[in-house]
């Protein structure tokens, strides 16, 4: 029995189910012999499916900035790594094009980005992503980077904190929370920070969602520059795809999904508005074809089995079979 056979049966992985796995495999048109990139390796759940469906000779480049994720996947797929079917690379997907070229994956059939924090990271208290367990106020995907959540909470000005919580957490009570945090800092662990947010807003008041949820989301996004990196990686994915290659992106909140949706729509346009043009605009060669006009979401069964999937949205697009290189360069300058 190899790693692919045992993934679903390993009790340690029972809570780490790949979100929208079937939809990803079908949407990316995974088939034997193709070359793929999993830009957010995580627990390797999607990678396992990609390897299985592309057998016997399909190959996957798995990228992750988290050393723990890399170690976990290396231990899970030793046979596939030894056979050269899985190449594991350390790095942030904001450098995806450079990483892919360095490992010989510059012209691929499929790319997957599964955004956000993994269940492994959430459940590891010492990573500081969750307020469900008290841990250091960290939240870094890459533990070697300098900025962490503690620095933001304990050193940023009140107005900066309020703006952050409002913009990245969509927290309507951002000013009240920021004022309370500044008055009661420093904070070194997640538990006291979550309690402070709860006190700042006056308790749960019957809500099923913890009052600190949006604050923690905003801090995590800021620490890891998630939205900026997402905006930067999408054009790189397009550059890495061969004609008819497909990109799938799974997002978990509206800020991410909006970025993906708007970028795909821009790349799929066949017309560019230009008020200075004699006819008000001009035609352009689309660089993407949108496969999912509306995002795919989890079925009721999947949502019940895997609560993390409830907020997931999957968007898929395909690079056209033939792209006029001159027009592409001109339209994307």
C-alpha atoms as a PDB file:
ATOM      1  CA  UNK A   1       0.000   0.000   0.000  1.00  0.00           C
ATOM      2  CA  UNK A   2       1.459   3.376  -0.978  1.00  0.00           C
ATOM      3  CA  UNK A   3       0.681   6.824   0.406  1.00  0.00           C
ATOM      4  CA  UNK A   4      -2.151   7.417  -2.047  1.00  0.00           C
ATOM      5  CA  UNK A   5      -3.951   4.287  -0.888  1.00  0.00           C
ATOM      6  CA  UNK A   6      -3.703   5.207   2.771  1.00  0.00           C
ATOM      7  CA  UNK A   7      -4.566   8.910   2.740  1.00  0.00           C
ATOM      8  CA  UNK A   8      -8.288   8.516   3.289  1.00  0.00           C
ATOM      9  CA  UNK A   9      -7.855   5.762   5.844  1.00  0.00           C
ATOM     10  CA  UNK A  10      -5.373   7.527   8.109  1.00  0.00           C
ATOM     11  CA  UNK A  11      -7.257   8.620  11.247  1.00  0.00           C
ATOM     12  CA  UNK A  12      -4.908  11.578  11.646  1.00  0.00           C
ATOM     13  CA  UNK A  13      -6.251  12.937   8.349  1.00  0.00           C
ATOM     14  CA  UNK A  14      -9.923  12.427   9.107  1.00  0.00           C
ATOM     15  CA  UNK A  15     -10.409  16.101   9.913  1.00  0.00           C
ATOM     16  CA  UNK A  16      -8.258  17.284   6.988  1.00  0.00           C
ATOM     17  CA  UNK A  17     -10.493  16.590   4.017  1.00  0.00           C
ATOM     18  CA  UNK A  18      -9.668  18.366   0.779  1.00  0.00           C
ATOM     19  CA  UNK A  19     -12.381  20.950   0.085  1.00  0.00           C
ATOM     20  CA  UNK A  20     -14.362  20.572  -3.159  1.00  0.00           C
ATOM     21  CA  UNK A  21     -11.978  17.789  -4.221  1.00  0.00           C
ATOM     22  CA  UNK A  22     -14.272  16.264  -6.850  1.00  0.00           C
ATOM     23  CA  UNK A  23     -15.108  19.636  -8.353  1.00  0.00           C
ATOM     24  CA  UNK A  24     -11.411  20.545  -8.527  1.00  0.00           C
ATOM     25  CA  UNK A  25     -10.399  17.299 -10.261  1.00  0.00           C
ATOM     26  CA  UNK A  26     -13.221  17.488 -12.804  1.00  0.00           C
ATOM     27  CA  UNK A  27     -12.869  21.238 -13.321  1.00  0.00           C
ATOM     28  CA  UNK A  28      -9.122  21.042 -13.926  1.00  0.00           C
ATOM     29  CA  UNK A  29      -9.633  18.127 -16.324  1.00  0.00           C
ATOM     30  CA  UNK A  30      -7.038  16.006 -14.506  1.00  0.00           C
ATOM     31  CA  UNK A  31      -5.985  13.066 -16.681  1.00  0.00           C
ATOM     32  CA  UNK A  32      -3.035  10.685 -17.051  1.00  0.00           C
ATOM     33  CA  UNK A  33       0.295  12.171 -17.993  1.00  0.00           C
ATOM     34  CA  UNK A  34      -0.365  15.867 -17.376  1.00  0.00           C
ATOM     35  CA  UNK A  35       1.815  18.316 -15.433  1.00  0.00           C
ATOM     36  CA  UNK A  36       0.251  20.257 -12.557  1.00  0.00           C
ATOM     37  CA  UNK A  37       1.041  22.759  -9.818  1.00  0.00           C
ATOM     38  CA  UNK A  38      -0.530  22.787  -6.371  1.00  0.00           C
ATOM     39  CA  UNK A  39       0.471  26.267  -5.242  1.00  0.00           C
ATOM     40  CA  UNK A  40      -0.912  25.791  -1.726  1.00  0.00           C
ATOM     41  CA  UNK A  41       0.191  22.311  -0.710  1.00  0.00           C
ATOM     42  CA  UNK A  42      -1.185  22.337   2.851  1.00  0.00           C
ATOM     43  CA  UNK A  43      -2.029  18.827   4.003  1.00  0.00           C
ATOM     44  CA  UNK A  44      -1.657  17.343   0.525  1.00  0.00           C
ATOM     45  CA  UNK A  45      -5.312  16.371   0.152  1.00  0.00           C
ATOM     46  CA  UNK A  46      -5.770  17.897  -3.286  1.00  0.00           C
ATOM     47  CA  UNK A  47      -2.311  16.750  -4.343  1.00  0.00           C
ATOM     48  CA  UNK A  48      -3.255  13.153  -3.509  1.00  0.00           C
ATOM     49  CA  UNK A  49      -6.283  13.415  -5.794  1.00  0.00           C
ATOM     50  CA  UNK A  50      -4.221  15.009  -8.560  1.00  0.00           C
ATOM     51  CA  UNK A  51      -1.609  12.250  -8.377  1.00  0.00           C
ATOM     52  CA  UNK A  52      -4.226   9.513  -8.376  1.00  0.00           C
ATOM     53  CA  UNK A  53      -6.178  10.869 -11.351  1.00  0.00           C
ATOM     54  CA  UNK A  54      -3.033  11.595 -13.398  1.00  0.00           C
ATOM     55  CA  UNK A  55      -1.450   8.179 -12.828  1.00  0.00           C
ATOM     56  CA  UNK A  56       0.683   6.510 -13.942  1.00  0.00           C
ATOM     57  CA  UNK A  57       2.882   9.314 -15.252  1.00  0.00           C
ATOM     58  CA  UNK A  58       1.318  12.647 -14.265  1.00  0.00           C
ATOM     59  CA  UNK A  59       3.508  14.979 -12.193  1.00  0.00           C
ATOM     60  CA  UNK A  60       2.761  17.602  -9.545  1.00  0.00           C
ATOM     61  CA  UNK A  61       4.811  20.483  -8.191  1.00  0.00           C
ATOM     62  CA  UNK A  62       3.651  21.207  -4.632  1.00  0.00           C
ATOM     63  CA  UNK A  63       4.544  24.600  -3.155  1.00  0.00           C
ATOM     64  CA  UNK A  64       4.139  25.848   0.412  1.00  0.00           C
ATOM     65  CA  UNK A  65       5.775  28.458   2.639  1.00  0.00           C
ATOM     66  CA  UNK A  66       5.072  26.453   5.795  1.00  0.00           C
ATOM     67  CA  UNK A  67       7.938  24.061   6.694  1.00  0.00           C
ATOM     68  CA  UNK A  68       5.533  21.911   8.723  1.00  0.00           C
ATOM     69  CA  UNK A  69       3.339  21.394   5.649  1.00  0.00           C
ATOM     70  CA  UNK A  70       6.349  20.398   3.556  1.00  0.00           C
ATOM     71  CA  UNK A  71       7.502  17.872   6.157  1.00  0.00           C
ATOM     72  CA  UNK A  72       4.014  16.429   6.462  1.00  0.00           C
ATOM     73  CA  UNK A  73       3.643  15.935   2.708  1.00  0.00           C
ATOM     74  CA  UNK A  74       7.140  14.498   2.327  1.00  0.00           C
ATOM     75  CA  UNK A  75       6.300  11.907   4.969  1.00  0.00           C
ATOM     76  CA  UNK A  76       2.938  11.141   3.357  1.00  0.00           C
ATOM     77  CA  UNK A  77       4.136  10.640  -0.239  1.00  0.00           C
ATOM     78  CA  UNK A  78       7.650   9.108  -0.119  1.00  0.00           C
ATOM     79  CA  UNK A  79       6.988   6.769  -3.055  1.00  0.00           C
ATOM     80  CA  UNK A  80       5.641   9.510  -5.319  1.00  0.00           C
ATOM     81  CA  UNK A  81       8.577  11.782  -4.470  1.00  0.00           C
ATOM     82  CA  UNK A  82      11.064   8.984  -5.133  1.00  0.00           C
ATOM     83  CA  UNK A  83       9.411   8.265  -8.488  1.00  0.00           C
ATOM     84  CA  UNK A  84       9.596  11.923  -9.465  1.00  0.00           C
ATOM     85  CA  UNK A  85       5.826  12.242  -9.719  1.00  0.00           C
ATOM     86  CA  UNK A  86       5.724  14.750  -6.844  1.00  0.00           C
ATOM     87  CA  UNK A  87       8.203  17.584  -6.466  1.00  0.00           C
ATOM     88  CA  UNK A  88       7.950  19.522  -3.196  1.00  0.00           C
ATOM     89  CA  UNK A  89       9.241  23.090  -3.101  1.00  0.00           C
ATOM     90  CA  UNK A  90       9.524  25.588  -0.259  1.00  0.00           C
ATOM     91  CA  UNK A  91       8.314  29.089  -0.989  1.00  0.00           C
ATOM     92  CA  UNK A  92       5.445  31.554  -1.023  1.00  0.00           C
ATOM     93  CA  UNK A  93       3.197  31.351  -4.062  1.00  0.00           C
ATOM     94  CA  UNK A  94       3.799  35.034  -4.670  1.00  0.00           C
ATOM     95  CA  UNK A  95       6.999  33.729  -6.313  1.00  0.00           C
ATOM     96  CA  UNK A  96       5.224  30.877  -8.101  1.00  0.00           C
ATOM     97  CA  UNK A  97       6.522  31.589 -11.587  1.00  0.00           C
ATOM     98  CA  UNK A  98      10.139  31.666 -10.415  1.00  0.00           C
ATOM     99  CA  UNK A  99       9.706  28.505  -8.320  1.00  0.00           C
ATOM    100  CA  UNK A 100       8.003  26.652 -11.163  1.00  0.00           C
ATOM    101  CA  UNK A 101      10.674  27.560 -13.686  1.00  0.00           C
ATOM    102  CA  UNK A 102      13.421  26.491 -11.282  1.00  0.00           C
ATOM    103  CA  UNK A 103      11.835  23.023 -11.011  1.00  0.00           C
ATOM    104  CA  UNK A 104      10.979  22.569 -14.682  1.00  0.00           C
ATOM    105  CA  UNK A 105       7.250  23.322 -14.410  1.00  0.00           C
ATOM    106  CA  UNK A 106       7.102  26.379 -16.663  1.00  0.00           C
ATOM    107  CA  UNK A 107       4.457  24.990 -19.040  1.00  0.00           C
ATOM    108  CA  UNK A 108       1.702  23.126 -17.216  1.00  0.00           C
ATOM    109  CA  UNK A 109      -1.795  21.803 -17.777  1.00  0.00           C
ATOM    110  CA  UNK A 110      -3.365  22.707 -14.435  1.00  0.00           C
ATOM    111  CA  UNK A 111      -2.804  24.962 -11.416  1.00  0.00           C
ATOM    112  CA  UNK A 112      -4.656  24.929  -8.101  1.00  0.00           C
ATOM    113  CA  UNK A 113      -4.666  27.617  -5.413  1.00  0.00           C
ATOM    114  CA  UNK A 114      -6.503  26.672  -2.205  1.00  0.00           C
ATOM    115  CA  UNK A 115      -6.398  29.939  -0.285  1.00  0.00           C
ATOM    116  CA  UNK A 116      -6.440  30.767   3.404  1.00  0.00           C
ATOM    117  CA  UNK A 117      -5.294  28.877   6.468  1.00  0.00           C
ATOM    118  CA  UNK A 118      -5.187  25.083   6.628  1.00  0.00           C
ATOM    119  CA  UNK A 119      -6.917  23.001   9.259  1.00  0.00           C
ATOM    120  CA  UNK A 120      -3.492  21.764  10.395  1.00  0.00           C
ATOM    121  CA  UNK A 121      -2.422  25.346  11.090  1.00  0.00           C
ATOM    122  CA  UNK A 122      -5.659  26.164  12.904  1.00  0.00           C
ATOM    123  CA  UNK A 123      -5.360  23.123  15.138  1.00  0.00           C
ATOM    124  CA  UNK A 124      -1.718  23.722  16.075  1.00  0.00           C
ATOM    125  CA  UNK A 125      -1.926  26.055  19.064  1.00  0.00           C
ATOM    126  CA  UNK A 126       1.683  27.207  18.870  1.00  0.00           C
ATOM    127  CA  UNK A 127       1.074  28.693  15.407  1.00  0.00           C
ATOM    128  CA  UNK A 128      -1.338  31.221  16.917  1.00  0.00           C
ATOM    129  CA  UNK A 129      -3.977  31.160  14.168  1.00  0.00           C
ATOM    130  CA  UNK A 130      -6.940  30.212  16.347  1.00  0.00           C
ATOM    131  CA  UNK A 131      -8.505  31.533  19.525  1.00  0.00           C
ATOM    132  CA  UNK A 132      -9.948  28.102  20.293  1.00  0.00           C
ATOM    133  CA  UNK A 133      -6.614  27.190  21.910  1.00  0.00           C
ATOM    134  CA  UNK A 134      -4.310  29.632  23.659  1.00  0.00           C
ATOM    135  CA  UNK A 135      -1.028  30.020  21.826  1.00  0.00           C
ATOM    136  CA  UNK A 136       1.582  32.617  20.861  1.00  0.00           C
ATOM    137  CA  UNK A 137       0.222  35.583  18.930  1.00  0.00           C
ATOM    138  CA  UNK A 138       1.977  34.584  15.717  1.00  0.00           C
ATOM    139  CA  UNK A 139      -0.135  33.729  12.612  1.00  0.00           C
ATOM    140  CA  UNK A 140       2.785  33.500  10.159  1.00  0.00           C
ATOM    141  CA  UNK A 141       2.546  30.994   7.313  1.00  0.00           C
ATOM    142  CA  UNK A 142       6.322  31.300   6.997  1.00  0.00           C
ATOM    143  CA  UNK A 143       7.806  31.269  10.522  1.00  0.00           C
ATOM    144  CA  UNK A 144      11.030  32.861   9.244  1.00  0.00           C
ATOM    145  CA  UNK A 145       9.434  36.166   8.274  1.00  0.00           C
ATOM    146  CA  UNK A 146       9.778  39.114  10.668  1.00  0.00           C
ATOM    147  CA  UNK A 147       6.234  40.478  10.993  1.00  0.00           C
ATOM    148  CA  UNK A 148       3.835  38.587  13.249  1.00  0.00           C
ATOM    149  CA  UNK A 149       0.426  39.314  14.767  1.00  0.00           C
ATOM    150  CA  UNK A 150       1.891  40.385  18.112  1.00  0.00           C
ATOM    151  CA  UNK A 151       3.789  43.224  16.456  1.00  0.00           C
ATOM    152  CA  UNK A 152       0.646  44.517  14.760  1.00  0.00           C
ATOM    153  CA  UNK A 153      -1.544  44.330  17.868  1.00  0.00           C
ATOM    154  CA  UNK A 154       1.052  45.780  20.222  1.00  0.00           C
ATOM    155  CA  UNK A 155       2.706  48.502  18.134  1.00  0.00           C
ATOM    156  CA  UNK A 156       0.306  49.807  15.498  1.00  0.00           C
ATOM    157  CA  UNK A 157      -1.554  53.044  16.158  1.00  0.00           C
ATOM    158  CA  UNK A 158      -5.243  52.870  17.056  1.00  0.00           C
ATOM    159  CA  UNK A 159      -6.394  54.262  13.711  1.00  0.00           C
ATOM    160  CA  UNK A 160      -4.171  51.833  11.821  1.00  0.00           C
ATOM    161  CA  UNK A 161      -5.646  48.910  13.747  1.00  0.00           C
ATOM    162  CA  UNK A 162      -9.188  50.121  13.175  1.00  0.00           C
ATOM    163  CA  UNK A 163      -8.602  50.479   9.443  1.00  0.00           C
ATOM    164  CA  UNK A 164      -7.058  47.016   9.298  1.00  0.00           C
ATOM    165  CA  UNK A 165      -9.975  45.352  11.089  1.00  0.00           C
ATOM    166  CA  UNK A 166     -12.499  47.151   8.907  1.00  0.00           C
ATOM    167  CA  UNK A 167     -10.748  46.514   5.577  1.00  0.00           C
ATOM    168  CA  UNK A 168      -9.491  42.950   6.006  1.00  0.00           C
ATOM    169  CA  UNK A 169     -11.948  41.659   8.593  1.00  0.00           C
ATOM    170  CA  UNK A 170     -15.003  43.583   7.361  1.00  0.00           C
ATOM    171  CA  UNK A 171     -15.521  44.317  11.058  1.00  0.00           C
ATOM    172  CA  UNK A 172     -18.124  47.054  11.558  1.00  0.00           C
ATOM    173  CA  UNK A 173     -17.066  47.530  15.201  1.00  0.00           C
ATOM    174  CA  UNK A 174     -13.429  48.072  14.273  1.00  0.00           C
ATOM    175  CA  UNK A 175     -12.962  51.405  16.035  1.00  0.00           C
ATOM    176  CA  UNK A 176     -14.352  50.133  19.323  1.00  0.00           C
ATOM    177  CA  UNK A 177     -12.162  47.018  19.190  1.00  0.00           C
ATOM    178  CA  UNK A 178      -9.027  48.949  18.236  1.00  0.00           C
ATOM    179  CA  UNK A 179      -9.532  51.435  21.056  1.00  0.00           C
ATOM    180  CA  UNK A 180      -9.969  48.645  23.619  1.00  0.00           C
ATOM    181  CA  UNK A 181      -6.913  46.739  22.386  1.00  0.00           C
ATOM    182  CA  UNK A 182      -4.695  49.806  22.536  1.00  0.00           C
ATOM    183  CA  UNK A 183      -5.887  50.560  26.068  1.00  0.00           C
ATOM    184  CA  UNK A 184      -5.220  47.005  27.317  1.00  0.00           C
ATOM    185  CA  UNK A 185      -2.140  45.883  25.412  1.00  0.00           C
ATOM    186  CA  UNK A 186       0.360  44.279  25.321  1.00  0.00           C
ATOM    187  CA  UNK A 187      -1.009  40.885  24.295  1.00  0.00           C
ATOM    188  CA  UNK A 188       1.277  37.897  23.835  1.00  0.00           C
ATOM    189  CA  UNK A 189      -1.136  35.000  23.301  1.00  0.00           C
ATOM    190  CA  UNK A 190      -4.355  34.373  21.406  1.00  0.00           C
ATOM    191  CA  UNK A 191      -6.633  33.630  24.372  1.00  0.00           C
ATOM    192  CA  UNK A 192      -6.414  37.025  26.105  1.00  0.00           C
ATOM    193  CA  UNK A 193      -6.689  38.791  22.743  1.00  0.00           C
ATOM    194  CA  UNK A 194      -9.915  36.949  21.897  1.00  0.00           C
ATOM    195  CA  UNK A 195     -11.300  37.736  25.358  1.00  0.00           C
ATOM    196  CA  UNK A 196     -10.409  41.404  24.931  1.00  0.00           C
ATOM    197  CA  UNK A 197     -12.261  41.597  21.620  1.00  0.00           C
ATOM    198  CA  UNK A 198     -15.284  39.945  23.194  1.00  0.00           C
ATOM    199  CA  UNK A 199     -15.250  42.472  26.036  1.00  0.00           C
ATOM    200  CA  UNK A 200     -14.807  45.351  23.591  1.00  0.00           C
ATOM    201  CA  UNK A 201     -18.022  44.511  21.750  1.00  0.00           C
ATOM    202  CA  UNK A 202     -20.015  43.562  24.844  1.00  0.00           C
ATOM    203  CA  UNK A 203     -20.028  39.761  24.577  1.00  0.00           C
ATOM    204  CA  UNK A 204     -21.541  37.358  22.088  1.00  0.00           C
ATOM    205  CA  UNK A 205     -25.147  38.511  22.470  1.00  0.00           C
ATOM    206  CA  UNK A 206     -26.528  35.210  21.175  1.00  0.00           C
ATOM    207  CA  UNK A 207     -24.303  35.011  18.081  1.00  0.00           C
ATOM    208  CA  UNK A 208     -22.954  31.596  17.087  1.00  0.00           C
ATOM    209  CA  UNK A 209     -19.831  33.259  15.677  1.00  0.00           C
ATOM    210  CA  UNK A 210     -17.189  34.314  18.190  1.00  0.00           C
ATOM    211  CA  UNK A 211     -16.763  38.108  18.230  1.00  0.00           C
ATOM    212  CA  UNK A 212     -13.015  37.735  17.627  1.00  0.00           C
ATOM    213  CA  UNK A 213     -13.416  35.803  14.355  1.00  0.00           C
ATOM    214  CA  UNK A 214     -13.155  38.816  12.066  1.00  0.00           C
ATOM    215  CA  UNK A 215     -10.317  40.340  14.080  1.00  0.00           C
ATOM    216  CA  UNK A 216      -8.261  37.161  13.798  1.00  0.00           C
ATOM    217  CA  UNK A 217      -9.011  36.958  10.083  1.00  0.00           C
ATOM    218  CA  UNK A 218      -7.848  40.526   9.542  1.00  0.00           C
ATOM    219  CA  UNK A 219      -4.637  39.998  11.486  1.00  0.00           C
ATOM    220  CA  UNK A 220      -3.806  36.793   9.616  1.00  0.00           C
ATOM    221  CA  UNK A 221      -4.385  38.430   6.235  1.00  0.00           C
ATOM    222  CA  UNK A 222      -2.200  41.385   7.164  1.00  0.00           C
ATOM    223  CA  UNK A 223       0.624  39.291   8.624  1.00  0.00           C
ATOM    224  CA  UNK A 224       0.866  37.160   5.486  1.00  0.00           C
ATOM    225  CA  UNK A 225      -0.062  39.846   2.932  1.00  0.00           C
ATOM    226  CA  UNK A 226      -2.588  37.402   1.562  1.00  0.00           C
ATOM    227  CA  UNK A 227      -4.612  39.728  -0.648  1.00  0.00           C
ATOM    228  CA  UNK A 228      -1.566  41.435  -2.139  1.00  0.00           C
ATOM    229  CA  UNK A 229       0.065  38.092  -2.835  1.00  0.00           C
ATOM    230  CA  UNK A 230      -3.133  36.782  -4.435  1.00  0.00           C
ATOM    231  CA  UNK A 231      -3.244  39.748  -6.801  1.00  0.00           C
ATOM    232  CA  UNK A 232       0.392  39.108  -7.730  1.00  0.00           C
ATOM    233  CA  UNK A 233       0.169  35.346  -8.252  1.00  0.00           C
ATOM    234  CA  UNK A 234      -2.836  35.277 -10.603  1.00  0.00           C
ATOM    235  CA  UNK A 235      -0.992  36.742 -13.629  1.00  0.00           C
ATOM    236  CA  UNK A 236       1.884  34.355 -12.920  1.00  0.00           C
ATOM    237  CA  UNK A 237      -0.519  31.419 -13.148  1.00  0.00           C
ATOM    238  CA  UNK A 238      -1.629  32.605 -16.562  1.00  0.00           C
ATOM    239  CA  UNK A 239       1.992  32.793 -17.704  1.00  0.00           C
ATOM    240  CA  UNK A 240       2.643  29.239 -16.489  1.00  0.00           C
ATOM    241  CA  UNK A 241      -0.354  27.628 -18.182  1.00  0.00           C
ATOM    242  CA  UNK A 242      -0.039  26.111 -21.618  1.00  0.00           C
ATOM    243  CA  UNK A 243      -2.894  26.686 -24.122  1.00  0.00           C
ATOM    244  CA  UNK A 244      -6.026  24.882 -22.862  1.00  0.00           C
ATOM    245  CA  UNK A 245      -4.474  24.722 -19.371  1.00  0.00           C
ATOM    246  CA  UNK A 246      -6.780  25.468 -16.467  1.00  0.00           C
ATOM    247  CA  UNK A 247      -6.575  27.416 -13.219  1.00  0.00           C
ATOM    248  CA  UNK A 248      -8.753  26.641 -10.172  1.00  0.00           C
ATOM    249  CA  UNK A 249      -8.914  28.931  -7.141  1.00  0.00           C
ATOM    250  CA  UNK A 250     -10.709  28.091  -3.903  1.00  0.00           C
ATOM    251  CA  UNK A 251     -11.433  31.107  -1.685  1.00  0.00           C
ATOM    252  CA  UNK A 252     -13.005  31.281   1.752  1.00  0.00           C
ATOM    253  CA  UNK A 253     -14.128  34.865   2.166  1.00  0.00           C
ATOM    254  CA  UNK A 254     -15.513  37.649   0.020  1.00  0.00           C
ATOM    255  CA  UNK A 255     -12.303  39.680  -0.237  1.00  0.00           C
ATOM    256  CA  UNK A 256     -10.413  36.804  -1.842  1.00  0.00           C
ATOM    257  CA  UNK A 257     -13.300  35.779  -4.074  1.00  0.00           C
ATOM    258  CA  UNK A 258     -13.784  39.347  -5.315  1.00  0.00           C
ATOM    259  CA  UNK A 259     -10.134  39.585  -6.371  1.00  0.00           C
ATOM    260  CA  UNK A 260     -10.303  36.263  -8.247  1.00  0.00           C
ATOM    261  CA  UNK A 261     -13.655  37.044  -9.866  1.00  0.00           C
ATOM    262  CA  UNK A 262     -12.670  40.499 -11.077  1.00  0.00           C
ATOM    263  CA  UNK A 263      -9.291  39.333 -12.399  1.00  0.00           C
ATOM    264  CA  UNK A 264     -10.867  36.474 -14.350  1.00  0.00           C
ATOM    265  CA  UNK A 265     -13.501  38.807 -15.761  1.00  0.00           C
ATOM    266  CA  UNK A 266     -10.858  41.302 -16.895  1.00  0.00           C
ATOM    267  CA  UNK A 267      -8.786  38.613 -18.583  1.00  0.00           C
ATOM    268  CA  UNK A 268     -11.878  37.182 -20.311  1.00  0.00           C
ATOM    269  CA  UNK A 269     -12.968  40.501 -21.829  1.00  0.00           C
ATOM    270  CA  UNK A 270     -13.232  40.728 -25.598  1.00  0.00           C
ATOM    271  CA  UNK A 271     -13.647  44.503 -25.540  1.00  0.00           C
ATOM    272  CA  UNK A 272     -11.762  47.310 -23.803  1.00  0.00           C
ATOM    273  CA  UNK A 273     -13.587  50.551 -23.047  1.00  0.00           C
ATOM    274  CA  UNK A 274     -11.618  53.601 -24.159  1.00  0.00           C
ATOM    275  CA  UNK A 275     -13.361  57.006 -24.275  1.00  0.00           C
ATOM    276  CA  UNK A 276     -10.526  58.363 -26.435  1.00  0.00           C
ATOM    277  CA  UNK A 277     -11.076  55.702 -29.088  1.00  0.00           C
ATOM    278  CA  UNK A 278     -13.266  56.868 -32.014  1.00  0.00           C
ATOM    279  CA  UNK A 279     -15.754  54.080 -31.330  1.00  0.00           C
ATOM    280  CA  UNK A 280     -15.508  54.209 -27.547  1.00  0.00           C
ATOM    281  CA  UNK A 281     -13.283  51.183 -27.248  1.00  0.00           C
ATOM    282  CA  UNK A 282     -11.576  48.361 -29.083  1.00  0.00           C
ATOM    283  CA  UNK A 283     -11.609  44.595 -29.339  1.00  0.00           C
ATOM    284  CA  UNK A 284      -9.013  42.522 -27.515  1.00  0.00           C
ATOM    285  CA  UNK A 285      -7.956  38.905 -27.489  1.00  0.00           C
ATOM    286  CA  UNK A 286      -9.200  37.347 -24.220  1.00  0.00           C
ATOM    287  CA  UNK A 287      -6.444  35.616 -22.272  1.00  0.00           C
ATOM    288  CA  UNK A 288      -8.864  33.458 -20.267  1.00  0.00           C
ATOM    289  CA  UNK A 289     -12.128  31.655 -20.798  1.00  0.00           C
ATOM    290  CA  UNK A 290     -14.249  31.456 -17.657  1.00  0.00           C
ATOM    291  CA  UNK A 291     -15.428  27.900 -16.984  1.00  0.00           C
ATOM    292  CA  UNK A 292     -17.534  28.753 -13.903  1.00  0.00           C
ATOM    293  CA  UNK A 293     -19.643  31.903 -14.469  1.00  0.00           C
ATOM    294  CA  UNK A 294     -20.827  31.380 -10.904  1.00  0.00           C
ATOM    295  CA  UNK A 295     -18.543  29.862  -8.273  1.00  0.00           C
ATOM    296  CA  UNK A 296     -18.979  26.226  -7.324  1.00  0.00           C
ATOM    297  CA  UNK A 297     -19.832  25.579  -3.690  1.00  0.00           C
ATOM    298  CA  UNK A 298     -19.998  22.536  -1.450  1.00  0.00           C
ATOM    299  CA  UNK A 299     -22.921  20.148  -1.566  1.00  0.00           C
ATOM    300  CA  UNK A 300     -25.048  19.719   1.547  1.00  0.00           C
ATOM    301  CA  UNK A 301     -23.371  16.372   2.222  1.00  0.00           C
ATOM    302  CA  UNK A 302     -19.869  17.834   1.970  1.00  0.00           C
ATOM    303  CA  UNK A 303     -20.777  20.815   4.149  1.00  0.00           C
ATOM    304  CA  UNK A 304     -22.109  18.473   6.824  1.00  0.00           C
ATOM    305  CA  UNK A 305     -19.043  16.235   6.627  1.00  0.00           C
ATOM    306  CA  UNK A 306     -16.503  19.053   6.412  1.00  0.00           C
ATOM    307  CA  UNK A 307     -17.656  22.352   7.997  1.00  0.00           C
ATOM    308  CA  UNK A 308     -14.642  24.185   6.522  1.00  0.00           C
ATOM    309  CA  UNK A 309     -16.165  23.733   3.063  1.00  0.00           C
ATOM    310  CA  UNK A 310     -19.282  25.760   3.873  1.00  0.00           C
ATOM    311  CA  UNK A 311     -17.709  29.093   2.958  1.00  0.00           C
ATOM    312  CA  UNK A 312     -15.597  27.778   0.062  1.00  0.00           C
ATOM    313  CA  UNK A 313     -16.043  29.125  -3.463  1.00  0.00           C
ATOM    314  CA  UNK A 314     -14.327  27.557  -6.444  1.00  0.00           C
ATOM    315  CA  UNK A 315     -13.685  29.486  -9.651  1.00  0.00           C
ATOM    316  CA  UNK A 316     -12.124  27.891 -12.730  1.00  0.00           C
ATOM    317  CA  UNK A 317     -10.810  29.453 -15.929  1.00  0.00           C
ATOM    318  CA  UNK A 318      -8.967  28.150 -18.984  1.00  0.00           C
ATOM    319  CA  UNK A 319      -6.261  29.680 -21.095  1.00  0.00           C
ATOM    320  CA  UNK A 320      -7.528  29.759 -24.698  1.00  0.00           C
ATOM    321  CA  UNK A 321      -6.058  27.268 -27.130  1.00  0.00           C
ATOM    322  CA  UNK A 322      -4.476  29.981 -29.223  1.00  0.00           C
ATOM    323  CA  UNK A 323      -3.404  33.401 -27.953  1.00  0.00           C
ATOM    324  CA  UNK A 324      -2.065  36.139 -30.180  1.00  0.00           C
ATOM    325  CA  UNK A 325       1.179  36.908 -28.327  1.00  0.00           C
ATOM    326  CA  UNK A 326       1.436  40.448 -29.734  1.00  0.00           C
ATOM    327  CA  UNK A 327      -2.099  41.327 -28.666  1.00  0.00           C
ATOM    328  CA  UNK A 328      -1.577  39.732 -25.250  1.00  0.00           C
ATOM    329  CA  UNK A 329       1.528  41.836 -24.634  1.00  0.00           C
ATOM    330  CA  UNK A 330      -0.159  45.016 -25.857  1.00  0.00           C
ATOM    331  CA  UNK A 331      -3.326  44.486 -23.818  1.00  0.00           C
ATOM    332  CA  UNK A 332      -1.460  43.703 -20.607  1.00  0.00           C
ATOM    333  CA  UNK A 333       1.167  46.438 -20.629  1.00  0.00           C
END
